[in-house]
């Protein structure tokens, strides 16, 4: 099983970090979790094109996690020689979001159908919604969903990927909660979006400081990893973006509570299990 942090950025624009997205490849299956800013470019960097994705999973519908969903859909459509609907799984509300995205693409779809004689179908998705339990299972790969806590953003889910005797937990945005503990239990890799409260509090912006009540800190992530017996904790989506040379500070905050391997991920960081 391979895990690739395609995009490790947050809503704050960063020249070096694309938007939130993680790739998992296992048992011949390619799964994409979230699809933030620049995801198709980062997929190309990982040697994957949108027609190769077996399923798109969404943790929630916050813009920074879905902003380039339309690019995944459109690029898959125009690059596929035959109809190739994108399978999508996400929390309740995902089907309506997918329908709205397809409606937004109507002008572009018409332009391309008018121009290309061999393109006689429009883009499409097959959408399922998952809140708790088995979200998808196929050919030795099982993905479980569990509710997470990113309120007032709701519903949100995290995913547990089980394949080839390994487990990967993709948390998305959340504070510690029972559902997060479930997907992380015994995980080989736990990918968690994090913030640094000590740095956020130095910014005199109420809107910026609001993020603290619905994101995990590095210390939160460390505690969850320790409680679940995780092997490798991967910190991603760091807020604010780490200043060069300060990466060890982020790891140290998590290491105060967790003695396993800790990585502050960068775009296209990968691990093979």
C-alpha atoms as a PDB file:
ATOM      1  CA  UNK A   1       0.000   0.000   0.000  1.00  0.00           C
ATOM      2  CA  UNK A   2       1.258   3.471  -0.921  1.00  0.00           C
ATOM      3  CA  UNK A   3       0.189   6.766   0.655  1.00  0.00           C
ATOM      4  CA  UNK A   4       0.999  10.077  -1.069  1.00  0.00           C
ATOM      5  CA  UNK A   5       0.209  13.489   0.409  1.00  0.00           C
ATOM      6  CA  UNK A   6      -0.592  15.196  -2.890  1.00  0.00           C
ATOM      7  CA  UNK A   7      -1.485  18.558  -1.378  1.00  0.00           C
ATOM      8  CA  UNK A   8      -0.591  19.594   2.158  1.00  0.00           C
ATOM      9  CA  UNK A   9      -1.774  23.183   2.179  1.00  0.00           C
ATOM     10  CA  UNK A  10      -4.608  24.990   3.912  1.00  0.00           C
ATOM     11  CA  UNK A  11      -6.977  27.755   2.742  1.00  0.00           C
ATOM     12  CA  UNK A  12      -4.037  30.168   3.082  1.00  0.00           C
ATOM     13  CA  UNK A  13      -2.352  30.360  -0.359  1.00  0.00           C
ATOM     14  CA  UNK A  14       1.133  28.886  -0.326  1.00  0.00           C
ATOM     15  CA  UNK A  15       3.470  28.703  -3.317  1.00  0.00           C
ATOM     16  CA  UNK A  16       4.811  25.347  -2.139  1.00  0.00           C
ATOM     17  CA  UNK A  17       1.692  23.608  -0.848  1.00  0.00           C
ATOM     18  CA  UNK A  18      -1.306  22.674  -2.973  1.00  0.00           C
ATOM     19  CA  UNK A  19      -4.725  22.158  -1.418  1.00  0.00           C
ATOM     20  CA  UNK A  20      -5.735  19.218   0.742  1.00  0.00           C
ATOM     21  CA  UNK A  21      -5.596  15.862  -1.065  1.00  0.00           C
ATOM     22  CA  UNK A  22      -4.207  12.417  -0.256  1.00  0.00           C
ATOM     23  CA  UNK A  23      -3.712   9.455  -2.582  1.00  0.00           C
ATOM     24  CA  UNK A  24      -3.861   5.817  -1.474  1.00  0.00           C
ATOM     25  CA  UNK A  25      -2.863   2.994  -3.825  1.00  0.00           C
ATOM     26  CA  UNK A  26      -3.505  -0.593  -2.722  1.00  0.00           C
ATOM     27  CA  UNK A  27      -4.227  -3.946  -4.366  1.00  0.00           C
ATOM     28  CA  UNK A  28      -4.311  -2.361  -7.808  1.00  0.00           C
ATOM     29  CA  UNK A  29      -6.784   0.306  -6.675  1.00  0.00           C
ATOM     30  CA  UNK A  30      -6.230   4.075  -6.745  1.00  0.00           C
ATOM     31  CA  UNK A  31      -8.212   6.151  -4.263  1.00  0.00           C
ATOM     32  CA  UNK A  32      -8.246   9.947  -3.962  1.00  0.00           C
ATOM     33  CA  UNK A  33      -9.225  11.576  -0.676  1.00  0.00           C
ATOM     34  CA  UNK A  34     -10.334  15.206  -1.041  1.00  0.00           C
ATOM     35  CA  UNK A  35      -9.424  17.377  -4.017  1.00  0.00           C
ATOM     36  CA  UNK A  36      -8.195  20.801  -2.997  1.00  0.00           C
ATOM     37  CA  UNK A  37      -6.402  23.495  -4.959  1.00  0.00           C
ATOM     38  CA  UNK A  38      -4.052  22.130  -7.641  1.00  0.00           C
ATOM     39  CA  UNK A  39      -4.936  18.480  -7.134  1.00  0.00           C
ATOM     40  CA  UNK A  40      -4.758  17.468 -10.812  1.00  0.00           C
ATOM     41  CA  UNK A  41      -1.252  18.921 -11.130  1.00  0.00           C
ATOM     42  CA  UNK A  42      -0.166  17.005  -8.026  1.00  0.00           C
ATOM     43  CA  UNK A  43      -1.800  13.829  -9.340  1.00  0.00           C
ATOM     44  CA  UNK A  44       0.345  14.192 -12.444  1.00  0.00           C
ATOM     45  CA  UNK A  45       3.375  14.588 -10.197  1.00  0.00           C
ATOM     46  CA  UNK A  46       2.490  11.250  -8.602  1.00  0.00           C
ATOM     47  CA  UNK A  47       2.125   9.579 -11.991  1.00  0.00           C
ATOM     48  CA  UNK A  48      -1.671   9.429 -11.848  1.00  0.00           C
ATOM     49  CA  UNK A  49      -4.190  10.974 -14.247  1.00  0.00           C
ATOM     50  CA  UNK A  50      -7.880  11.492 -13.368  1.00  0.00           C
ATOM     51  CA  UNK A  51      -9.124   8.630 -15.610  1.00  0.00           C
ATOM     52  CA  UNK A  52      -7.034   6.282 -13.439  1.00  0.00           C
ATOM     53  CA  UNK A  53      -8.862   7.107 -10.191  1.00  0.00           C
ATOM     54  CA  UNK A  54     -11.045   4.254  -8.970  1.00  0.00           C
ATOM     55  CA  UNK A  55     -12.933   6.377  -6.451  1.00  0.00           C
ATOM     56  CA  UNK A  56     -12.981   9.928  -5.133  1.00  0.00           C
ATOM     57  CA  UNK A  57     -13.679  10.237  -1.404  1.00  0.00           C
ATOM     58  CA  UNK A  58     -14.625  13.524   0.283  1.00  0.00           C
ATOM     59  CA  UNK A  59     -14.224  14.105   4.010  1.00  0.00           C
ATOM     60  CA  UNK A  60     -16.438  17.215   3.978  1.00  0.00           C
ATOM     61  CA  UNK A  61     -17.592  20.047   1.765  1.00  0.00           C
ATOM     62  CA  UNK A  62     -15.391  22.902   2.994  1.00  0.00           C
ATOM     63  CA  UNK A  63     -14.094  24.744  -0.073  1.00  0.00           C
ATOM     64  CA  UNK A  64     -10.396  24.051   0.503  1.00  0.00           C
ATOM     65  CA  UNK A  65     -11.059  20.296   0.358  1.00  0.00           C
ATOM     66  CA  UNK A  66     -13.244  20.298  -2.778  1.00  0.00           C
ATOM     67  CA  UNK A  67     -12.290  23.371  -4.785  1.00  0.00           C
ATOM     68  CA  UNK A  68     -10.769  21.386  -7.682  1.00  0.00           C
ATOM     69  CA  UNK A  69     -13.375  18.631  -7.809  1.00  0.00           C
ATOM     70  CA  UNK A  70     -14.550  20.202 -11.066  1.00  0.00           C
ATOM     71  CA  UNK A  71     -11.041  19.798 -12.509  1.00  0.00           C
ATOM     72  CA  UNK A  72     -10.970  16.097 -11.590  1.00  0.00           C
ATOM     73  CA  UNK A  73     -14.373  15.619 -13.255  1.00  0.00           C
ATOM     74  CA  UNK A  74     -13.602  17.608 -16.406  1.00  0.00           C
ATOM     75  CA  UNK A  75     -10.117  16.209 -16.949  1.00  0.00           C
ATOM     76  CA  UNK A  76     -11.351  12.646 -16.455  1.00  0.00           C
ATOM     77  CA  UNK A  77     -14.120  13.283 -18.976  1.00  0.00           C
ATOM     78  CA  UNK A  78     -12.026  14.807 -21.766  1.00  0.00           C
ATOM     79  CA  UNK A  79      -9.162  12.318 -21.365  1.00  0.00           C
ATOM     80  CA  UNK A  80     -11.313   9.169 -21.417  1.00  0.00           C
ATOM     81  CA  UNK A  81     -11.913   7.456 -24.792  1.00  0.00           C
ATOM     82  CA  UNK A  82     -15.239   6.045 -23.576  1.00  0.00           C
ATOM     83  CA  UNK A  83     -17.775   7.041 -20.947  1.00  0.00           C
ATOM     84  CA  UNK A  84     -16.051   6.879 -17.587  1.00  0.00           C
ATOM     85  CA  UNK A  85     -18.245   8.141 -14.721  1.00  0.00           C
ATOM     86  CA  UNK A  86     -16.306   9.226 -11.628  1.00  0.00           C
ATOM     87  CA  UNK A  87     -17.347   7.211  -8.550  1.00  0.00           C
ATOM     88  CA  UNK A  88     -17.660   9.583  -5.591  1.00  0.00           C
ATOM     89  CA  UNK A  89     -18.237   8.861  -1.904  1.00  0.00           C
ATOM     90  CA  UNK A  90     -18.725  11.515   0.745  1.00  0.00           C
ATOM     91  CA  UNK A  91     -20.834  12.525   3.726  1.00  0.00           C
ATOM     92  CA  UNK A  92     -24.546  13.302   3.398  1.00  0.00           C
ATOM     93  CA  UNK A  93     -24.904  16.315   1.121  1.00  0.00           C
ATOM     94  CA  UNK A  94     -22.306  15.050  -1.357  1.00  0.00           C
ATOM     95  CA  UNK A  95     -24.852  14.058  -4.023  1.00  0.00           C
ATOM     96  CA  UNK A  96     -26.304  17.574  -4.100  1.00  0.00           C
ATOM     97  CA  UNK A  97     -22.801  19.065  -4.273  1.00  0.00           C
ATOM     98  CA  UNK A  98     -21.907  16.804  -7.208  1.00  0.00           C
ATOM     99  CA  UNK A  99     -25.111  17.748  -9.035  1.00  0.00           C
ATOM    100  CA  UNK A 100     -24.390  21.454  -8.535  1.00  0.00           C
ATOM    101  CA  UNK A 101     -20.854  21.028  -9.845  1.00  0.00           C
ATOM    102  CA  UNK A 102     -22.044  19.259 -12.978  1.00  0.00           C
ATOM    103  CA  UNK A 103     -24.618  22.015 -13.526  1.00  0.00           C
ATOM    104  CA  UNK A 104     -21.883  24.647 -13.171  1.00  0.00           C
ATOM    105  CA  UNK A 105     -19.912  22.934 -15.937  1.00  0.00           C
ATOM    106  CA  UNK A 106     -22.794  23.149 -18.436  1.00  0.00           C
ATOM    107  CA  UNK A 107     -21.248  25.851 -20.646  1.00  0.00           C
ATOM    108  CA  UNK A 108     -17.903  24.066 -20.924  1.00  0.00           C
ATOM    109  CA  UNK A 109     -19.645  20.757 -21.632  1.00  0.00           C
ATOM    110  CA  UNK A 110     -21.603  22.334 -24.489  1.00  0.00           C
ATOM    111  CA  UNK A 111     -18.461  23.912 -25.976  1.00  0.00           C
ATOM    112  CA  UNK A 112     -16.596  20.605 -26.000  1.00  0.00           C
ATOM    113  CA  UNK A 113     -19.503  18.562 -27.347  1.00  0.00           C
ATOM    114  CA  UNK A 114     -19.928  21.089 -30.160  1.00  0.00           C
ATOM    115  CA  UNK A 115     -16.229  20.964 -31.018  1.00  0.00           C
ATOM    116  CA  UNK A 116     -15.281  17.278 -30.758  1.00  0.00           C
ATOM    117  CA  UNK A 117     -17.166  14.897 -33.030  1.00  0.00           C
ATOM    118  CA  UNK A 118     -15.947  11.841 -31.130  1.00  0.00           C
ATOM    119  CA  UNK A 119     -17.165  13.199 -27.774  1.00  0.00           C
ATOM    120  CA  UNK A 120     -20.844  12.336 -27.623  1.00  0.00           C
ATOM    121  CA  UNK A 121     -21.436  12.126 -23.873  1.00  0.00           C
ATOM    122  CA  UNK A 122     -21.105  14.535 -20.980  1.00  0.00           C
ATOM    123  CA  UNK A 123     -19.211  14.139 -17.710  1.00  0.00           C
ATOM    124  CA  UNK A 124     -20.954  12.120 -15.023  1.00  0.00           C
ATOM    125  CA  UNK A 125     -20.503  10.786 -11.515  1.00  0.00           C
ATOM    126  CA  UNK A 126     -21.923   7.880  -9.560  1.00  0.00           C
ATOM    127  CA  UNK A 127     -22.348   9.154  -6.033  1.00  0.00           C
ATOM    128  CA  UNK A 128     -22.857   7.390  -2.724  1.00  0.00           C
ATOM    129  CA  UNK A 129     -23.083   8.960   0.704  1.00  0.00           C
ATOM    130  CA  UNK A 130     -21.548   7.495   3.849  1.00  0.00           C
ATOM    131  CA  UNK A 131     -21.856   8.551   7.465  1.00  0.00           C
ATOM    132  CA  UNK A 132     -20.746   5.524   9.502  1.00  0.00           C
ATOM    133  CA  UNK A 133     -19.702   1.983   8.599  1.00  0.00           C
ATOM    134  CA  UNK A 134     -18.501   0.428   5.346  1.00  0.00           C
ATOM    135  CA  UNK A 135     -18.262   3.178   2.733  1.00  0.00           C
ATOM    136  CA  UNK A 136     -16.869   1.032  -0.080  1.00  0.00           C
ATOM    137  CA  UNK A 137     -15.417  -2.436  -0.573  1.00  0.00           C
ATOM    138  CA  UNK A 138     -13.887  -4.010  -3.668  1.00  0.00           C
ATOM    139  CA  UNK A 139     -11.266  -6.649  -4.522  1.00  0.00           C
ATOM    140  CA  UNK A 140      -9.603  -6.809  -1.117  1.00  0.00           C
ATOM    141  CA  UNK A 141      -9.850  -3.107  -0.312  1.00  0.00           C
ATOM    142  CA  UNK A 142     -12.287  -1.943   2.350  1.00  0.00           C
ATOM    143  CA  UNK A 143     -12.939   1.678   3.292  1.00  0.00           C
ATOM    144  CA  UNK A 144     -14.799   2.455   6.499  1.00  0.00           C
ATOM    145  CA  UNK A 145     -16.290   5.853   7.332  1.00  0.00           C
ATOM    146  CA  UNK A 146     -16.798   7.320  10.794  1.00  0.00           C
ATOM    147  CA  UNK A 147     -18.285  10.649  11.856  1.00  0.00           C
ATOM    148  CA  UNK A 148     -15.807  13.326  12.887  1.00  0.00           C
ATOM    149  CA  UNK A 149     -16.278  16.679  14.633  1.00  0.00           C
ATOM    150  CA  UNK A 150     -15.638  19.806  12.575  1.00  0.00           C
ATOM    151  CA  UNK A 151     -18.738  21.679  13.753  1.00  0.00           C
ATOM    152  CA  UNK A 152     -20.340  23.906  12.670  1.00  0.00           C
ATOM    153  CA  UNK A 153     -19.289  22.134   9.452  1.00  0.00           C
ATOM    154  CA  UNK A 154     -21.463  19.010   9.471  1.00  0.00           C
ATOM    155  CA  UNK A 155     -21.642  16.236   8.634  1.00  0.00           C
ATOM    156  CA  UNK A 156     -17.977  15.344   8.261  1.00  0.00           C
ATOM    157  CA  UNK A 157     -16.329  11.944   8.065  1.00  0.00           C
ATOM    158  CA  UNK A 158     -12.930  10.338   8.333  1.00  0.00           C
ATOM    159  CA  UNK A 159     -11.925   7.176   6.491  1.00  0.00           C
ATOM    160  CA  UNK A 160     -10.115   3.984   7.397  1.00  0.00           C
ATOM    161  CA  UNK A 161      -8.577   2.133   4.448  1.00  0.00           C
ATOM    162  CA  UNK A 162      -7.887  -1.550   5.023  1.00  0.00           C
ATOM    163  CA  UNK A 163      -5.944  -3.510   2.387  1.00  0.00           C
ATOM    164  CA  UNK A 164      -3.005  -5.883   2.069  1.00  0.00           C
ATOM    165  CA  UNK A 165      -2.931  -6.339   5.822  1.00  0.00           C
ATOM    166  CA  UNK A 166      -2.351  -2.608   6.391  1.00  0.00           C
ATOM    167  CA  UNK A 167      -4.488   0.264   7.684  1.00  0.00           C
ATOM    168  CA  UNK A 168      -4.416   3.948   6.740  1.00  0.00           C
ATOM    169  CA  UNK A 169      -6.563   6.549   8.522  1.00  0.00           C
ATOM    170  CA  UNK A 170      -7.463   9.740   6.629  1.00  0.00           C
ATOM    171  CA  UNK A 171      -8.916  12.145   9.156  1.00  0.00           C
ATOM    172  CA  UNK A 172      -9.709  15.363   7.337  1.00  0.00           C
ATOM    173  CA  UNK A 173     -10.545  18.388   9.493  1.00  0.00           C
ATOM    174  CA  UNK A 174     -11.693  17.469  12.994  1.00  0.00           C
ATOM    175  CA  UNK A 175     -11.040  17.778  16.676  1.00  0.00           C
ATOM    176  CA  UNK A 176     -10.518  14.573  18.689  1.00  0.00           C
ATOM    177  CA  UNK A 177     -13.700  12.524  18.902  1.00  0.00           C
ATOM    178  CA  UNK A 178     -14.957   8.960  19.179  1.00  0.00           C
ATOM    179  CA  UNK A 179     -15.221   8.458  15.414  1.00  0.00           C
ATOM    180  CA  UNK A 180     -11.630   9.604  14.930  1.00  0.00           C
ATOM    181  CA  UNK A 181     -10.452   7.133  17.565  1.00  0.00           C
ATOM    182  CA  UNK A 182     -12.234   4.340  15.700  1.00  0.00           C
ATOM    183  CA  UNK A 183     -10.639   4.947  12.325  1.00  0.00           C
ATOM    184  CA  UNK A 184      -7.187   5.329  13.913  1.00  0.00           C
ATOM    185  CA  UNK A 185      -7.220   2.193  16.057  1.00  0.00           C
ATOM    186  CA  UNK A 186      -4.100   0.182  15.167  1.00  0.00           C
ATOM    187  CA  UNK A 187      -3.442   2.214  11.997  1.00  0.00           C
ATOM    188  CA  UNK A 188      -0.106   1.924  10.249  1.00  0.00           C
ATOM    189  CA  UNK A 189      -0.464   5.525   9.031  1.00  0.00           C
ATOM    190  CA  UNK A 190      -2.693   8.286  10.412  1.00  0.00           C
ATOM    191  CA  UNK A 191      -2.970  11.454   8.289  1.00  0.00           C
ATOM    192  CA  UNK A 192      -4.247  14.454  10.269  1.00  0.00           C
ATOM    193  CA  UNK A 193      -4.746  18.116   9.402  1.00  0.00           C
ATOM    194  CA  UNK A 194      -3.282  20.310  12.132  1.00  0.00           C
ATOM    195  CA  UNK A 195      -2.858  23.859  13.365  1.00  0.00           C
ATOM    196  CA  UNK A 196      -0.507  25.571  15.829  1.00  0.00           C
ATOM    197  CA  UNK A 197      -2.602  27.428  18.450  1.00  0.00           C
ATOM    198  CA  UNK A 198       0.499  29.169  19.792  1.00  0.00           C
ATOM    199  CA  UNK A 199       1.107  30.758  16.388  1.00  0.00           C
ATOM    200  CA  UNK A 200      -2.511  31.368  15.464  1.00  0.00           C
ATOM    201  CA  UNK A 201      -3.077  33.353  18.668  1.00  0.00           C
ATOM    202  CA  UNK A 202      -0.359  35.815  17.673  1.00  0.00           C
ATOM    203  CA  UNK A 203      -2.375  36.940  14.651  1.00  0.00           C
ATOM    204  CA  UNK A 204      -4.790  39.747  15.639  1.00  0.00           C
ATOM    205  CA  UNK A 205      -7.679  38.495  13.524  1.00  0.00           C
ATOM    206  CA  UNK A 206     -10.817  37.060  15.139  1.00  0.00           C
ATOM    207  CA  UNK A 207     -11.671  35.266  11.911  1.00  0.00           C
ATOM    208  CA  UNK A 208      -8.286  33.540  11.880  1.00  0.00           C
ATOM    209  CA  UNK A 209      -8.434  32.611  15.553  1.00  0.00           C
ATOM    210  CA  UNK A 210     -11.860  31.055  15.017  1.00  0.00           C
ATOM    211  CA  UNK A 211     -10.141  28.061  13.385  1.00  0.00           C
ATOM    212  CA  UNK A 212      -8.860  26.860  16.744  1.00  0.00           C
ATOM    213  CA  UNK A 213     -12.169  25.430  17.942  1.00  0.00           C
ATOM    214  CA  UNK A 214     -12.621  22.990  15.063  1.00  0.00           C
ATOM    215  CA  UNK A 215      -9.146  21.838  14.046  1.00  0.00           C
ATOM    216  CA  UNK A 216      -6.760  19.464  15.784  1.00  0.00           C
ATOM    217  CA  UNK A 217      -3.514  20.822  17.157  1.00  0.00           C
ATOM    218  CA  UNK A 218      -0.258  18.903  16.777  1.00  0.00           C
ATOM    219  CA  UNK A 219      -0.656  17.877  20.408  1.00  0.00           C
ATOM    220  CA  UNK A 220      -4.202  16.637  19.752  1.00  0.00           C
ATOM    221  CA  UNK A 221      -2.916  14.535  16.856  1.00  0.00           C
ATOM    222  CA  UNK A 222      -0.164  13.098  19.018  1.00  0.00           C
ATOM    223  CA  UNK A 223      -2.619  12.107  21.729  1.00  0.00           C
ATOM    224  CA  UNK A 224      -4.975  10.426  19.246  1.00  0.00           C
ATOM    225  CA  UNK A 225      -2.052   8.556  17.669  1.00  0.00           C
ATOM    226  CA  UNK A 226      -0.826   7.348  21.044  1.00  0.00           C
ATOM    227  CA  UNK A 227      -4.292   6.293  22.153  1.00  0.00           C
ATOM    228  CA  UNK A 228      -4.798   4.306  18.949  1.00  0.00           C
ATOM    229  CA  UNK A 229      -1.415   2.615  18.849  1.00  0.00           C
ATOM    230  CA  UNK A 230      -0.632   4.228  15.488  1.00  0.00           C
ATOM    231  CA  UNK A 231       2.751   3.513  13.895  1.00  0.00           C
ATOM    232  CA  UNK A 232       3.271   6.671  11.801  1.00  0.00           C
ATOM    233  CA  UNK A 233       1.585  10.033  12.347  1.00  0.00           C
ATOM    234  CA  UNK A 234       1.512  12.305   9.295  1.00  0.00           C
ATOM    235  CA  UNK A 235       0.800  15.979   9.960  1.00  0.00           C
ATOM    236  CA  UNK A 236      -0.674  17.818   6.993  1.00  0.00           C
ATOM    237  CA  UNK A 237      -2.636  21.004   6.147  1.00  0.00           C
ATOM    238  CA  UNK A 238      -0.523  22.968   8.703  1.00  0.00           C
ATOM    239  CA  UNK A 239      -2.007  26.306   9.759  1.00  0.00           C
ATOM    240  CA  UNK A 240      -0.288  28.703   9.587  1.00  0.00           C
ATOM    241  CA  UNK A 241       2.143  27.519   6.890  1.00  0.00           C
ATOM    242  CA  UNK A 242       5.404  26.536   8.638  1.00  0.00           C
ATOM    243  CA  UNK A 243       8.238  28.999   8.244  1.00  0.00           C
ATOM    244  CA  UNK A 244      11.331  27.385   6.683  1.00  0.00           C
ATOM    245  CA  UNK A 245      13.472  25.803   9.373  1.00  0.00           C
ATOM    246  CA  UNK A 246      10.632  25.449  11.895  1.00  0.00           C
ATOM    247  CA  UNK A 247       9.367  22.040  10.792  1.00  0.00           C
ATOM    248  CA  UNK A 248      10.898  20.309  13.819  1.00  0.00           C
ATOM    249  CA  UNK A 249       8.797  22.486  16.124  1.00  0.00           C
ATOM    250  CA  UNK A 250       5.594  20.992  14.692  1.00  0.00           C
ATOM    251  CA  UNK A 251       6.913  17.465  15.107  1.00  0.00           C
ATOM    252  CA  UNK A 252       8.095  18.197  18.662  1.00  0.00           C
ATOM    253  CA  UNK A 253       4.634  19.293  19.787  1.00  0.00           C
ATOM    254  CA  UNK A 254       3.145  15.988  18.642  1.00  0.00           C
ATOM    255  CA  UNK A 255       6.140  14.019  19.998  1.00  0.00           C
ATOM    256  CA  UNK A 256       5.379  15.290  23.489  1.00  0.00           C
ATOM    257  CA  UNK A 257       2.446  12.858  23.465  1.00  0.00           C
ATOM    258  CA  UNK A 258       3.404  10.188  20.900  1.00  0.00           C
ATOM    259  CA  UNK A 259       6.644   8.231  20.611  1.00  0.00           C
ATOM    260  CA  UNK A 260       6.078   6.713  17.158  1.00  0.00           C
ATOM    261  CA  UNK A 261       7.273   8.089  13.840  1.00  0.00           C
ATOM    262  CA  UNK A 262       6.027  11.624  13.079  1.00  0.00           C
ATOM    263  CA  UNK A 263       6.236  13.374   9.720  1.00  0.00           C
ATOM    264  CA  UNK A 264       5.316  16.943   8.812  1.00  0.00           C
ATOM    265  CA  UNK A 265       4.343  16.176   5.238  1.00  0.00           C
ATOM    266  CA  UNK A 266       5.151  18.195   2.149  1.00  0.00           C
ATOM    267  CA  UNK A 267       3.479  17.890  -1.249  1.00  0.00           C
ATOM    268  CA  UNK A 268       4.179  14.521  -2.892  1.00  0.00           C
ATOM    269  CA  UNK A 269       5.678  13.012   0.261  1.00  0.00           C
ATOM    270  CA  UNK A 270       5.034   9.281   0.145  1.00  0.00           C
ATOM    271  CA  UNK A 271       5.335   6.130   2.187  1.00  0.00           C
ATOM    272  CA  UNK A 272       5.099   2.484   1.129  1.00  0.00           C
ATOM    273  CA  UNK A 273       3.741   0.012   3.676  1.00  0.00           C
END
